[in-house]
Amino acid sequence: MSSTNRVTYYVALPFVSTDEGLIVPEEGIECAHAQAAMARARMLAATRAGAVAFSRTGDLALGEFEPAEVLASFGQVPDDLSTL
């Protein structure tokens, strides 16, 4: 990937518990930087089952991104976060 097209997104992703007891994600919230994503995830976890803060870096023009890097996890979240 060319470094000129690389971008890093920081996201806070809340999770809720379904009636069946599953933990599922809601819509992620893009944040300005890593600290903001972690703070937002902490706040979201206070009113939901849990939340994670993660980042993804890649080339937006090509649609190629590296695997997500989990920055912080709060409350109940799925064990497998490989699909972030």
PDB file of N, CA and C in Angstrom:
ATOM      1  N   MET A   1       0.841  -1.186   0.000  1.00  0.00           N
ATOM      2  CA  MET A   1       0.000   0.000   0.000  1.00  0.00           C
ATOM      3  C   MET A   1       0.879   1.240   0.000  1.00  0.00           C
ATOM      4  N   SER A   2       0.492   2.204  -0.754  1.00  0.00           N
ATOM      5  CA  SER A   2       1.210   3.469  -0.777  1.00  0.00           C
ATOM      6  C   SER A   2       0.908   4.251   0.494  1.00  0.00           C
ATOM      7  N   SER A   3       1.949   4.807   1.111  1.00  0.00           N
ATOM      8  CA  SER A   3       1.745   5.531   2.369  1.00  0.00           C
ATOM      9  C   SER A   3       0.971   6.824   2.162  1.00  0.00           C
ATOM     10  N   THR A   4       0.911   7.343   0.947  1.00  0.00           N
ATOM     11  CA  THR A   4       0.190   8.596   0.717  1.00  0.00           C
ATOM     12  C   THR A   4      -1.318   8.408   0.768  1.00  0.00           C
ATOM     13  N   ASN A   5      -1.788   7.204   0.566  1.00  0.00           N
ATOM     14  CA  ASN A   5      -3.235   6.939   0.581  1.00  0.00           C
ATOM     15  C   ASN A   5      -3.700   6.295   1.880  1.00  0.00           C
ATOM     16  N   ARG A   6      -2.787   6.110   2.818  1.00  0.00           N
ATOM     17  CA  ARG A   6      -3.143   5.414   4.053  1.00  0.00           C
ATOM     18  C   ARG A   6      -3.908   6.339   4.986  1.00  0.00           C
ATOM     19  N   VAL A   7      -4.896   5.759   5.632  1.00  0.00           N
ATOM     20  CA  VAL A   7      -5.698   6.487   6.598  1.00  0.00           C
ATOM     21  C   VAL A   7      -5.981   5.543   7.771  1.00  0.00           C
ATOM     22  N   THR A   8      -6.085   6.107   8.968  1.00  0.00           N
ATOM     23  CA  THR A   8      -6.433   5.314  10.143  1.00  0.00           C
ATOM     24  C   THR A   8      -7.749   5.832  10.700  1.00  0.00           C
ATOM     25  N   TYR A   9      -8.682   4.919  10.887  1.00  0.00           N
ATOM     26  CA  TYR A   9      -9.973   5.236  11.497  1.00  0.00           C
ATOM     27  C   TYR A   9      -9.959   4.741  12.933  1.00  0.00           C
ATOM     28  N   TYR A  10     -10.544   5.516  13.820  1.00  0.00           N
ATOM     29  CA  TYR A  10     -10.711   5.132  15.220  1.00  0.00           C
ATOM     30  C   TYR A  10     -12.206   5.028  15.474  1.00  0.00           C
ATOM     31  N   VAL A  11     -12.619   3.912  16.057  1.00  0.00           N
ATOM     32  CA  VAL A  11     -14.045   3.615  16.192  1.00  0.00           C
ATOM     33  C   VAL A  11     -14.365   3.123  17.595  1.00  0.00           C
ATOM     34  N   ALA A  12     -15.493   3.571  18.125  1.00  0.00           N
ATOM     35  CA  ALA A  12     -16.082   3.014  19.340  1.00  0.00           C
ATOM     36  C   ALA A  12     -17.287   2.187  18.888  1.00  0.00           C
ATOM     37  N   LEU A  13     -17.304   0.922  19.263  1.00  0.00           N
ATOM     38  CA  LEU A  13     -18.352   0.010  18.813  1.00  0.00           C
ATOM     39  C   LEU A  13     -19.094  -0.563  20.010  1.00  0.00           C
ATOM     40  N   PRO A  14     -20.369  -0.156  20.192  1.00  0.00           N
ATOM     41  CA  PRO A  14     -21.150  -0.685  21.313  1.00  0.00           C
ATOM     42  C   PRO A  14     -21.744  -2.061  20.985  1.00  0.00           C
ATOM     43  N   PHE A  15     -21.958  -2.856  22.026  1.00  0.00           N
ATOM     44  CA  PHE A  15     -22.598  -4.163  21.900  1.00  0.00           C
ATOM     45  C   PHE A  15     -23.796  -4.214  22.834  1.00  0.00           C
ATOM     46  N   VAL A  16     -24.858  -4.870  22.374  1.00  0.00           N
ATOM     47  CA  VAL A  16     -26.060  -5.053  23.182  1.00  0.00           C
ATOM     48  C   VAL A  16     -26.362  -6.536  23.291  1.00  0.00           C
ATOM     49  N   SER A  17     -27.132  -6.870  24.292  1.00  0.00           N
ATOM     50  CA  SER A  17     -27.555  -8.251  24.518  1.00  0.00           C
ATOM     51  C   SER A  17     -28.964  -8.431  23.947  1.00  0.00           C
ATOM     52  N   THR A  18     -29.145  -9.481  23.135  1.00  0.00           N
ATOM     53  CA  THR A  18     -30.462  -9.764  22.568  1.00  0.00           C
ATOM     54  C   THR A  18     -31.300 -10.556  23.569  1.00  0.00           C
ATOM     55  N   ASP A  19     -32.577 -10.698  23.271  1.00  0.00           N
ATOM     56  CA  ASP A  19     -33.469 -11.500  24.111  1.00  0.00           C
ATOM     57  C   ASP A  19     -33.004 -12.955  24.191  1.00  0.00           C
ATOM     58  N   GLU A  20     -32.283 -13.407  23.154  1.00  0.00           N
ATOM     59  CA  GLU A  20     -31.777 -14.776  23.124  1.00  0.00           C
ATOM     60  C   GLU A  20     -30.454 -14.915  23.872  1.00  0.00           C
ATOM     61  N   GLY A  21     -29.945 -13.811  24.416  1.00  0.00           N
ATOM     62  CA  GLY A  21     -28.702 -13.852  25.166  1.00  0.00           C
ATOM     63  C   GLY A  21     -27.444 -13.674  24.334  1.00  0.00           C
ATOM     64  N   LEU A  22     -27.607 -13.335  23.068  1.00  0.00           N
ATOM     65  CA  LEU A  22     -26.446 -13.094  22.212  1.00  0.00           C
ATOM     66  C   LEU A  22     -25.941 -11.668  22.411  1.00  0.00           C
ATOM     67  N   ILE A  23     -24.650 -11.472  22.236  1.00  0.00           N
ATOM     68  CA  ILE A  23     -24.051 -10.145  22.286  1.00  0.00           C
ATOM     69  C   ILE A  23     -23.788  -9.727  20.845  1.00  0.00           C
ATOM     70  N   VAL A  24     -24.465  -8.668  20.389  1.00  0.00           N
ATOM     71  CA  VAL A  24     -24.365  -8.237  18.995  1.00  0.00           C
ATOM     72  C   VAL A  24     -23.971  -6.751  18.926  1.00  0.00           C
ATOM     73  N   PRO A  25     -23.284  -6.365  17.844  1.00  0.00           N
ATOM     74  CA  PRO A  25     -22.852  -4.972  17.733  1.00  0.00           C
ATOM     75  C   PRO A  25     -23.975  -4.053  17.259  1.00  0.00           C
ATOM     76  N   GLU A  26     -23.895  -2.813  17.719  1.00  0.00           N
ATOM     77  CA  GLU A  26     -24.705  -1.744  17.163  1.00  0.00           C
ATOM     78  C   GLU A  26     -23.822  -1.026  16.150  1.00  0.00           C
ATOM     79  N   GLU A  27     -24.256   0.130  15.683  1.00  0.00           N
ATOM     80  CA  GLU A  27     -23.466   0.885  14.719  1.00  0.00           C
ATOM     81  C   GLU A  27     -22.270   1.531  15.405  1.00  0.00           C
ATOM     82  N   GLY A  28     -21.100   1.416  14.761  1.00  0.00           N
ATOM     83  CA  GLY A  28     -19.889   2.017  15.286  1.00  0.00           C
ATOM     84  C   GLY A  28     -19.914   3.532  15.166  1.00  0.00           C
ATOM     85  N   ILE A  29     -19.151   4.181  16.028  1.00  0.00           N
ATOM     86  CA  ILE A  29     -19.065   5.638  16.046  1.00  0.00           C
ATOM     87  C   ILE A  29     -17.618   6.018  15.763  1.00  0.00           C
ATOM     88  N   GLU A  30     -17.389   6.719  14.651  1.00  0.00           N
ATOM     89  CA  GLU A  30     -16.044   7.149  14.308  1.00  0.00           C
ATOM     90  C   GLU A  30     -15.604   8.260  15.259  1.00  0.00           C
ATOM     91  N   CYS A  31     -14.355   8.192  15.683  1.00  0.00           N
ATOM     92  CA  CYS A  31     -13.805   9.165  16.626  1.00  0.00           C
ATOM     93  C   CYS A  31     -12.547   9.798  16.036  1.00  0.00           C
ATOM     94  N   ALA A  32     -12.141  10.932  16.592  1.00  0.00           N
ATOM     95  CA  ALA A  32     -11.028  11.704  16.049  1.00  0.00           C
ATOM     96  C   ALA A  32      -9.662  11.057  16.280  1.00  0.00           C
ATOM     97  N   HIS A  33      -9.510  10.339  17.389  1.00  0.00           N
ATOM     98  CA  HIS A  33      -8.218   9.738  17.710  1.00  0.00           C
ATOM     99  C   HIS A  33      -8.426   8.594  18.701  1.00  0.00           C
ATOM    100  N   ALA A  34      -7.358   7.889  19.009  1.00  0.00           N
ATOM    101  CA  ALA A  34      -7.434   6.696  19.859  1.00  0.00           C
ATOM    102  C   ALA A  34      -8.015   6.994  21.231  1.00  0.00           C
ATOM    103  N   GLN A  35      -7.559   8.059  21.873  1.00  0.00           N
ATOM    104  CA  GLN A  35      -8.062   8.388  23.214  1.00  0.00           C
ATOM    105  C   GLN A  35      -9.559   8.675  23.191  1.00  0.00           C
ATOM    106  N   ALA A  36     -10.027   9.355  22.148  1.00  0.00           N
ATOM    107  CA  ALA A  36     -11.461   9.650  22.030  1.00  0.00           C
ATOM    108  C   ALA A  36     -12.262   8.364  21.848  1.00  0.00           C
ATOM    109  N   ALA A  37     -11.740   7.438  21.058  1.00  0.00           N
ATOM    110  CA  ALA A  37     -12.437   6.167  20.844  1.00  0.00           C
ATOM    111  C   ALA A  37     -12.537   5.369  22.141  1.00  0.00           C
ATOM    112  N   MET A  38     -11.454   5.357  22.917  1.00  0.00           N
ATOM    113  CA  MET A  38     -11.474   4.624  24.177  1.00  0.00           C
ATOM    114  C   MET A  38     -12.423   5.271  25.186  1.00  0.00           C
ATOM    115  N   ALA A  39     -12.432   6.588  25.246  1.00  0.00           N
ATOM    116  CA  ALA A  39     -13.340   7.281  26.166  1.00  0.00           C
ATOM    117  C   ALA A  39     -14.791   7.050  25.767  1.00  0.00           C
ATOM    118  N   ARG A  40     -15.082   7.114  24.475  1.00  0.00           N
ATOM    119  CA  ARG A  40     -16.448   6.894  23.997  1.00  0.00           C
ATOM    120  C   ARG A  40     -16.885   5.470  24.263  1.00  0.00           C
ATOM    121  N   ALA A  41     -16.013   4.504  24.035  1.00  0.00           N
ATOM    122  CA  ALA A  41     -16.351   3.100  24.299  1.00  0.00           C
ATOM    123  C   ALA A  41     -16.653   2.890  25.778  1.00  0.00           C
ATOM    124  N   ARG A  42     -15.878   3.500  26.645  1.00  0.00           N
ATOM    125  CA  ARG A  42     -16.116   3.381  28.095  1.00  0.00           C
ATOM    126  C   ARG A  42     -17.503   3.934  28.442  1.00  0.00           C
ATOM    127  N   MET A  43     -17.856   5.083  27.866  1.00  0.00           N
ATOM    128  CA  MET A  43     -19.170   5.680  28.133  1.00  0.00           C
ATOM    129  C   MET A  43     -20.293   4.807  27.576  1.00  0.00           C
ATOM    130  N   LEU A  44     -20.116   4.264  26.380  1.00  0.00           N
ATOM    131  CA  LEU A  44     -21.139   3.413  25.776  1.00  0.00           C
ATOM    132  C   LEU A  44     -21.367   2.150  26.602  1.00  0.00           C
ATOM    133  N   ALA A  45     -20.305   1.594  27.145  1.00  0.00           N
ATOM    134  CA  ALA A  45     -20.422   0.362  27.937  1.00  0.00           C
ATOM    135  C   ALA A  45     -21.219   0.578  29.212  1.00  0.00           C
ATOM    136  N   ALA A  46     -21.319   1.818  29.672  1.00  0.00           N
ATOM    137  CA  ALA A  46     -22.072   2.105  30.894  1.00  0.00           C
ATOM    138  C   ALA A  46     -23.577   1.936  30.687  1.00  0.00           C
ATOM    139  N   THR A  47     -24.039   2.016  29.434  1.00  0.00           N
ATOM    140  CA  THR A  47     -25.472   1.917  29.158  1.00  0.00           C
ATOM    141  C   THR A  47     -25.825   0.742  28.246  1.00  0.00           C
ATOM    142  N   ARG A  48     -24.840  -0.057  27.900  1.00  0.00           N
ATOM    143  CA  ARG A  48     -25.054  -1.210  27.029  1.00  0.00           C
ATOM    144  C   ARG A  48     -24.325  -2.410  27.613  1.00  0.00           C
ATOM    145  N   ALA A  49     -24.379  -3.534  26.920  1.00  0.00           N
ATOM    146  CA  ALA A  49     -23.690  -4.730  27.418  1.00  0.00           C
ATOM    147  C   ALA A  49     -22.183  -4.518  27.480  1.00  0.00           C
ATOM    148  N   GLY A  50     -21.644  -3.803  26.505  1.00  0.00           N
ATOM    149  CA  GLY A  50     -20.211  -3.565  26.449  1.00  0.00           C
ATOM    150  C   GLY A  50     -19.857  -2.736  25.236  1.00  0.00           C
ATOM    151  N   ALA A  51     -18.570  -2.508  25.051  1.00  0.00           N
ATOM    152  CA  ALA A  51     -18.100  -1.744  23.894  1.00  0.00           C
ATOM    153  C   ALA A  51     -16.606  -1.983  23.723  1.00  0.00           C
ATOM    154  N   VAL A  52     -16.144  -1.807  22.504  1.00  0.00           N
ATOM    155  CA  VAL A  52     -14.714  -1.848  22.220  1.00  0.00           C
ATOM    156  C   VAL A  52     -14.324  -0.585  21.472  1.00  0.00           C
ATOM    157  N   ALA A  53     -13.073  -0.209  21.632  1.00  0.00           N
ATOM    158  CA  ALA A  53     -12.472   0.847  20.830  1.00  0.00           C
ATOM    159  C   ALA A  53     -11.448   0.153  19.947  1.00  0.00           C
ATOM    160  N   PHE A  54     -11.456   0.474  18.662  1.00  0.00           N
ATOM    161  CA  PHE A  54     -10.483  -0.144  17.766  1.00  0.00           C
ATOM    162  C   PHE A  54     -10.052   0.831  16.692  1.00  0.00           C
ATOM    163  N   SER A  55      -8.963   0.490  16.025  1.00  0.00           N
ATOM    164  CA  SER A  55      -8.496   1.283  14.891  1.00  0.00           C
ATOM    165  C   SER A  55      -8.294   0.361  13.702  1.00  0.00           C
ATOM    166  N   ARG A  56      -8.420   0.945  12.517  1.00  0.00           N
ATOM    167  CA  ARG A  56      -8.143   0.222  11.270  1.00  0.00           C
ATOM    168  C   ARG A  56      -7.372   1.165  10.375  1.00  0.00           C
ATOM    169  N   THR A  57      -6.310   0.659   9.797  1.00  0.00           N
ATOM    170  CA  THR A  57      -5.471   1.447   8.905  1.00  0.00           C
ATOM    171  C   THR A  57      -5.469   0.794   7.537  1.00  0.00           C
ATOM    172  N   GLY A  58      -5.554   1.623   6.502  1.00  0.00           N
ATOM    173  CA  GLY A  58      -5.514   1.072   5.162  1.00  0.00           C
ATOM    174  C   GLY A  58      -5.601   2.138   4.101  1.00  0.00           C
ATOM    175  N   ASP A  59      -5.800   1.680   2.893  1.00  0.00           N
ATOM    176  CA  ASP A  59      -5.896   2.539   1.724  1.00  0.00           C
ATOM    177  C   ASP A  59      -7.358   2.666   1.339  1.00  0.00           C
ATOM    178  N   LEU A  60      -7.924   3.832   1.579  1.00  0.00           N
ATOM    179  CA  LEU A  60      -9.341   4.066   1.311  1.00  0.00           C
ATOM    180  C   LEU A  60      -9.661   3.929  -0.173  1.00  0.00           C
ATOM    181  N   ALA A  61      -8.783   4.425  -1.040  1.00  0.00           N
ATOM    182  CA  ALA A  61      -9.028   4.371  -2.485  1.00  0.00           C
ATOM    183  C   ALA A  61      -9.100   2.936  -2.990  1.00  0.00           C
ATOM    184  N   LEU A  62      -8.269   2.071  -2.441  1.00  0.00           N
ATOM    185  CA  LEU A  62      -8.250   0.662  -2.866  1.00  0.00           C
ATOM    186  C   LEU A  62      -9.212  -0.201  -2.061  1.00  0.00           C
ATOM    187  N   GLY A  63      -9.655   0.306  -0.907  1.00  0.00           N
ATOM    188  CA  GLY A  63     -10.525  -0.478  -0.038  1.00  0.00           C
ATOM    189  C   GLY A  63      -9.798  -1.597   0.670  1.00  0.00           C
ATOM    190  N   GLU A  64      -8.486  -1.473   0.805  1.00  0.00           N
ATOM    191  CA  GLU A  64      -7.669  -2.494   1.458  1.00  0.00           C
ATOM    192  C   GLU A  64      -7.281  -2.006   2.841  1.00  0.00           C
ATOM    193  N   PHE A  65      -7.647  -2.782   3.857  1.00  0.00           N
ATOM    194  CA  PHE A  65      -7.362  -2.403   5.232  1.00  0.00           C
ATOM    195  C   PHE A  65      -6.699  -3.549   5.971  1.00  0.00           C
ATOM    196  N   GLU A  66      -5.811  -3.182   6.890  1.00  0.00           N
ATOM    197  CA  GLU A  66      -5.183  -4.157   7.767  1.00  0.00           C
ATOM    198  C   GLU A  66      -6.224  -4.632   8.776  1.00  0.00           C
ATOM    199  N   PRO A  67      -5.964  -5.744   9.443  1.00  0.00           N
ATOM    200  CA  PRO A  67      -6.895  -6.178  10.487  1.00  0.00           C
ATOM    201  C   PRO A  67      -7.044  -5.096  11.561  1.00  0.00           C
ATOM    202  N   ALA A  68      -8.201  -5.050  12.180  1.00  0.00           N
ATOM    203  CA  ALA A  68      -8.461  -4.068  13.229  1.00  0.00           C
ATOM    204  C   ALA A  68      -7.570  -4.333  14.433  1.00  0.00           C
ATOM    205  N   GLU A  69      -7.172  -3.257  15.097  1.00  0.00           N
ATOM    206  CA  GLU A  69      -6.406  -3.355  16.333  1.00  0.00           C
ATOM    207  C   GLU A  69      -7.311  -2.900  17.475  1.00  0.00           C
ATOM    208  N   VAL A  70      -7.618  -3.799  18.391  1.00  0.00           N
ATOM    209  CA  VAL A  70      -8.450  -3.457  19.543  1.00  0.00           C
ATOM    210  C   VAL A  70      -7.624  -2.622  20.507  1.00  0.00           C
ATOM    211  N   LEU A  71      -8.119  -1.427  20.815  1.00  0.00           N
ATOM    212  CA  LEU A  71      -7.433  -0.504  21.710  1.00  0.00           C
ATOM    213  C   LEU A  71      -7.860  -0.690  23.160  1.00  0.00           C
ATOM    214  N   ALA A  72      -9.149  -1.002  23.365  1.00  0.00           N
ATOM    215  CA  ALA A  72      -9.696  -1.208  24.704  1.00  0.00           C
ATOM    216  C   ALA A  72     -11.023  -1.936  24.584  1.00  0.00           C
ATOM    217  N   SER A  73     -11.368  -2.665  25.627  1.00  0.00           N
ATOM    218  CA  SER A  73     -12.615  -3.415  25.670  1.00  0.00           C
ATOM    219  C   SER A  73     -13.248  -3.217  27.041  1.00  0.00           C
ATOM    220  N   PHE A  74     -14.559  -2.981  27.060  1.00  0.00           N
ATOM    221  CA  PHE A  74     -15.281  -2.725  28.308  1.00  0.00           C
ATOM    222  C   PHE A  74     -16.544  -3.561  28.346  1.00  0.00           C
ATOM    223  N   GLY A  75     -16.834  -4.165  29.476  1.00  0.00           N
ATOM    224  CA  GLY A  75     -18.066  -4.936  29.641  1.00  0.00           C
ATOM    225  C   GLY A  75     -18.059  -6.222  28.833  1.00  0.00           C
ATOM    226  N   GLN A  76     -19.249  -6.649  28.433  1.00  0.00           N
ATOM    227  CA  GLN A  76     -19.415  -7.887  27.686  1.00  0.00           C
ATOM    228  C   GLN A  76     -19.289  -7.626  26.198  1.00  0.00           C
ATOM    229  N   VAL A  77     -18.319  -8.296  25.581  1.00  0.00           N
ATOM    230  CA  VAL A  77     -18.144  -8.236  24.134  1.00  0.00           C
ATOM    231  C   VAL A  77     -17.847  -9.647  23.662  1.00  0.00           C
ATOM    232  N   PRO A  78     -18.088  -9.950  22.396  1.00  0.00           N
ATOM    233  CA  PRO A  78     -17.797 -11.297  21.906  1.00  0.00           C
ATOM    234  C   PRO A  78     -16.313 -11.631  22.048  1.00  0.00           C
ATOM    235  N   ASP A  79     -16.013 -12.910  22.233  1.00  0.00           N
ATOM    236  CA  ASP A  79     -14.619 -13.347  22.323  1.00  0.00           C
ATOM    237  C   ASP A  79     -13.897 -13.150  21.002  1.00  0.00           C
ATOM    238  N   ASP A  80     -14.601 -13.395  19.899  1.00  0.00           N
ATOM    239  CA  ASP A  80     -13.991 -13.297  18.573  1.00  0.00           C
ATOM    240  C   ASP A  80     -14.333 -11.932  17.963  1.00  0.00           C
ATOM    241  N   LEU A  81     -13.355 -11.058  17.911  1.00  0.00           N
ATOM    242  CA  LEU A  81     -13.554  -9.728  17.318  1.00  0.00           C
ATOM    243  C   LEU A  81     -12.844  -9.627  15.970  1.00  0.00           C
ATOM    244  N   SER A  82     -12.544 -10.763  15.345  1.00  0.00           N
ATOM    245  CA  SER A  82     -11.792 -10.771  14.098  1.00  0.00           C
ATOM    246  C   SER A  82     -12.551 -10.163  12.928  1.00  0.00           C
ATOM    247  N   THR A  83     -13.860  -9.980  13.061  1.00  0.00           N
ATOM    248  CA  THR A  83     -14.639  -9.436  11.949  1.00  0.00           C
ATOM    249  C   THR A  83     -14.749  -7.902  11.989  1.00  0.00           C
ATOM    250  N   LEU A  84     -14.078  -7.263  12.943  1.00  0.00           N
ATOM    251  CA  LEU A  84     -14.129  -5.800  13.019  1.00  0.00           C
ATOM    252  C   LEU A  84     -13.569  -5.175  11.762  1.00  0.00           C
TER     253      LEU A  84
END
